Protein backbone atom coordinates (compact mmCIF):
# COMPACT_ATOMS: atom_id res chain seq x y z
CA MET A 1 9.09 -29.52 -22.56
CA ARG A 2 7.80 -29.54 -19.00
CA ALA A 3 11.24 -30.37 -17.65
CA GLY A 4 12.56 -27.06 -19.04
CA ARG A 5 9.91 -24.87 -17.48
CA PRO A 6 10.99 -25.13 -13.82
CA ARG A 7 14.54 -24.20 -14.80
CA GLN A 8 13.29 -21.18 -16.66
CA ARG A 9 11.20 -20.12 -13.68
CA GLY A 10 14.23 -20.65 -11.44
CA ARG A 11 16.36 -18.34 -13.56
CA MET A 12 13.62 -15.75 -13.66
CA GLY A 13 13.22 -16.02 -9.90
CA GLU A 14 16.94 -15.56 -9.38
CA GLU A 15 16.90 -12.51 -11.64
CA ARG A 16 13.93 -11.02 -9.74
CA HIS A 17 15.71 -11.52 -6.43
CA ARG A 18 18.82 -9.75 -7.72
CA GLN A 19 16.65 -6.74 -8.57
CA ALA A 20 15.06 -6.69 -5.11
CA GLY A 21 15.21 -3.68 -2.87
CA LEU A 22 14.96 -3.28 0.87
CA PHE A 23 11.87 -2.04 2.67
CA LEU A 24 11.40 -1.05 6.29
CA VAL A 25 8.09 -1.93 7.91
CA GLN A 26 7.50 -0.03 11.13
CA PHE A 27 4.65 -0.45 13.60
CA ARG A 28 3.65 0.07 17.22
CA SER A 29 1.11 -1.80 19.24
CA CYS A 30 -1.84 0.17 20.54
CA PRO A 31 -2.53 0.04 23.41
CA PRO A 32 1.19 -0.20 24.15
CA SER A 33 2.29 -3.76 24.83
CA VAL A 34 5.62 -5.43 24.09
CA GLY A 35 3.84 -8.79 23.82
CA ASP A 36 1.49 -7.40 21.17
CA ALA A 37 4.43 -5.96 19.22
CA VAL A 38 6.10 -9.40 19.25
CA GLU A 39 2.88 -11.02 17.98
CA MET A 40 2.59 -8.40 15.24
CA HIS A 41 6.19 -9.16 14.22
CA ARG A 42 5.39 -12.88 14.06
CA ALA A 43 2.32 -12.22 11.91
CA LEU A 44 4.35 -10.17 9.42
CA HIS A 45 7.12 -12.79 9.34
CA ARG A 46 4.56 -15.52 8.60
CA ALA A 47 2.99 -13.43 5.82
CA VAL A 48 6.37 -12.79 4.17
CA THR A 49 7.25 -16.49 4.43
CA ARG A 50 3.90 -17.55 2.91
CA LEU A 51 4.25 -15.13 0.00
CA GLY A 52 7.83 -16.24 -0.63
CA SER A 53 6.80 -19.89 -0.58
CA ALA A 54 4.10 -19.10 -3.14
CA GLY A 55 6.68 -17.65 -5.54
CA THR A 56 6.60 -13.94 -4.72
CA ALA A 57 10.08 -12.39 -4.81
CA ILE A 58 10.08 -11.41 -1.13
CA ARG A 59 12.35 -12.36 1.75
CA TRP A 60 12.57 -11.67 5.47
CA CYS A 61 15.86 -10.00 6.45
CA ALA A 62 15.74 -8.86 10.08
CA ALA A 63 13.67 -7.27 12.84
CA TRP A 64 14.33 -5.09 15.85
CA LEU A 65 12.01 -4.82 18.83
CA LEU A 66 11.74 -1.36 20.37
CA PRO A 67 10.52 -2.29 23.87
CA ASP A 68 10.34 1.28 25.20
CA GLU A 69 8.05 2.21 22.30
CA CYS A 70 6.19 -1.14 22.11
CA GLY A 71 7.11 -1.16 18.46
CA CYS A 72 9.08 -3.05 15.89
CA LEU A 73 11.20 -2.36 12.82
CA CYS A 74 11.23 -5.12 10.21
CA LEU A 75 13.50 -5.25 7.18
CA VAL A 76 12.11 -7.06 4.15
CA GLN A 77 13.67 -7.58 0.73
CA ALA A 78 11.33 -7.56 -2.26
CA VAL A 79 11.21 -6.65 -5.93
CA ARG A 80 8.10 -4.51 -5.51
CA GLU A 81 6.93 -2.36 -2.62
CA SER A 82 3.40 -3.59 -3.34
CA ASP A 83 4.48 -7.11 -2.32
CA VAL A 84 5.61 -5.78 1.06
CA VAL A 85 2.32 -3.90 1.42
CA LEU A 86 0.49 -7.15 0.60
CA ALA A 87 2.45 -8.96 3.33
CA ARG A 88 1.60 -6.15 5.75
CA ASP A 89 -2.08 -6.45 4.85
CA LEU A 90 -2.05 -10.26 5.14
CA ALA A 91 -0.58 -9.81 8.62
CA ALA A 92 -3.49 -7.47 9.46
CA LEU A 93 -1.17 -4.54 10.21
CA PRO A 94 -2.89 -1.76 8.20
CA SER A 95 -1.36 1.04 10.26
CA ALA A 96 2.23 -0.18 9.73
CA SER A 97 4.30 2.04 7.48
CA VAL A 98 6.28 0.62 4.55
CA SER A 99 9.25 2.65 3.31
CA PRO A 100 12.05 1.95 0.85
CA ALA A 101 15.38 1.58 2.66
CA ARG A 102 19.03 1.09 1.85
CA ALA A 103 22.00 0.08 3.91
CA LEU A 104 24.61 2.66 4.83
CA GLY A 105 28.00 0.99 4.97
CA GLY A 106 28.62 -2.67 5.46
CA PRO A 107 27.91 -5.42 3.00
CA PRO A 108 24.55 -5.65 1.25
CA PRO A 109 22.20 -8.40 2.40
CA PRO A 110 22.80 -11.77 0.74
CA PRO A 111 20.86 -12.60 -2.42
CA THR A 112 17.47 -14.13 -1.87
CA GLY A 113 18.22 -17.68 -2.92
CA SER A 114 15.77 -19.02 -0.35
CA ARG A 115 12.23 -17.88 0.12
CA SER A 116 12.14 -17.52 3.87
C-alpha cells in the first residue's frame, strides 16, 4: 500500500499546481540601497524554494529589480495567497505587499512540475 501513496500525492500535487494563481510581491529597501533590494530578493527566493521543497504548491516565476527605486517585483505562482504571505514572512519582508496578478497577453507561465 505504501507504494501507491507517493503516486497519489504526486497526482494531487499536479492538480494543485494546475489550480495555482500568480502573485506579485513588491518591496523596497529602506534606507534605499540596490544591494539590500537584491538581498531581499534572494531571501524571498530561498523561502519560496524551501516551501516548494517541503511540498507547498508554490513556485518562483521571475523577478525584476527596480534600481532607481531600490525595489523589486517578484512573481510567484501558488495555490493560496497565504502560502505567498508565508514565504514573505519567512524571508523577513513584513512590509512587502502581496497582490494577485494575471498575465496580459502572451502565454501563461508553464505548469509547476518542479518545486523551485
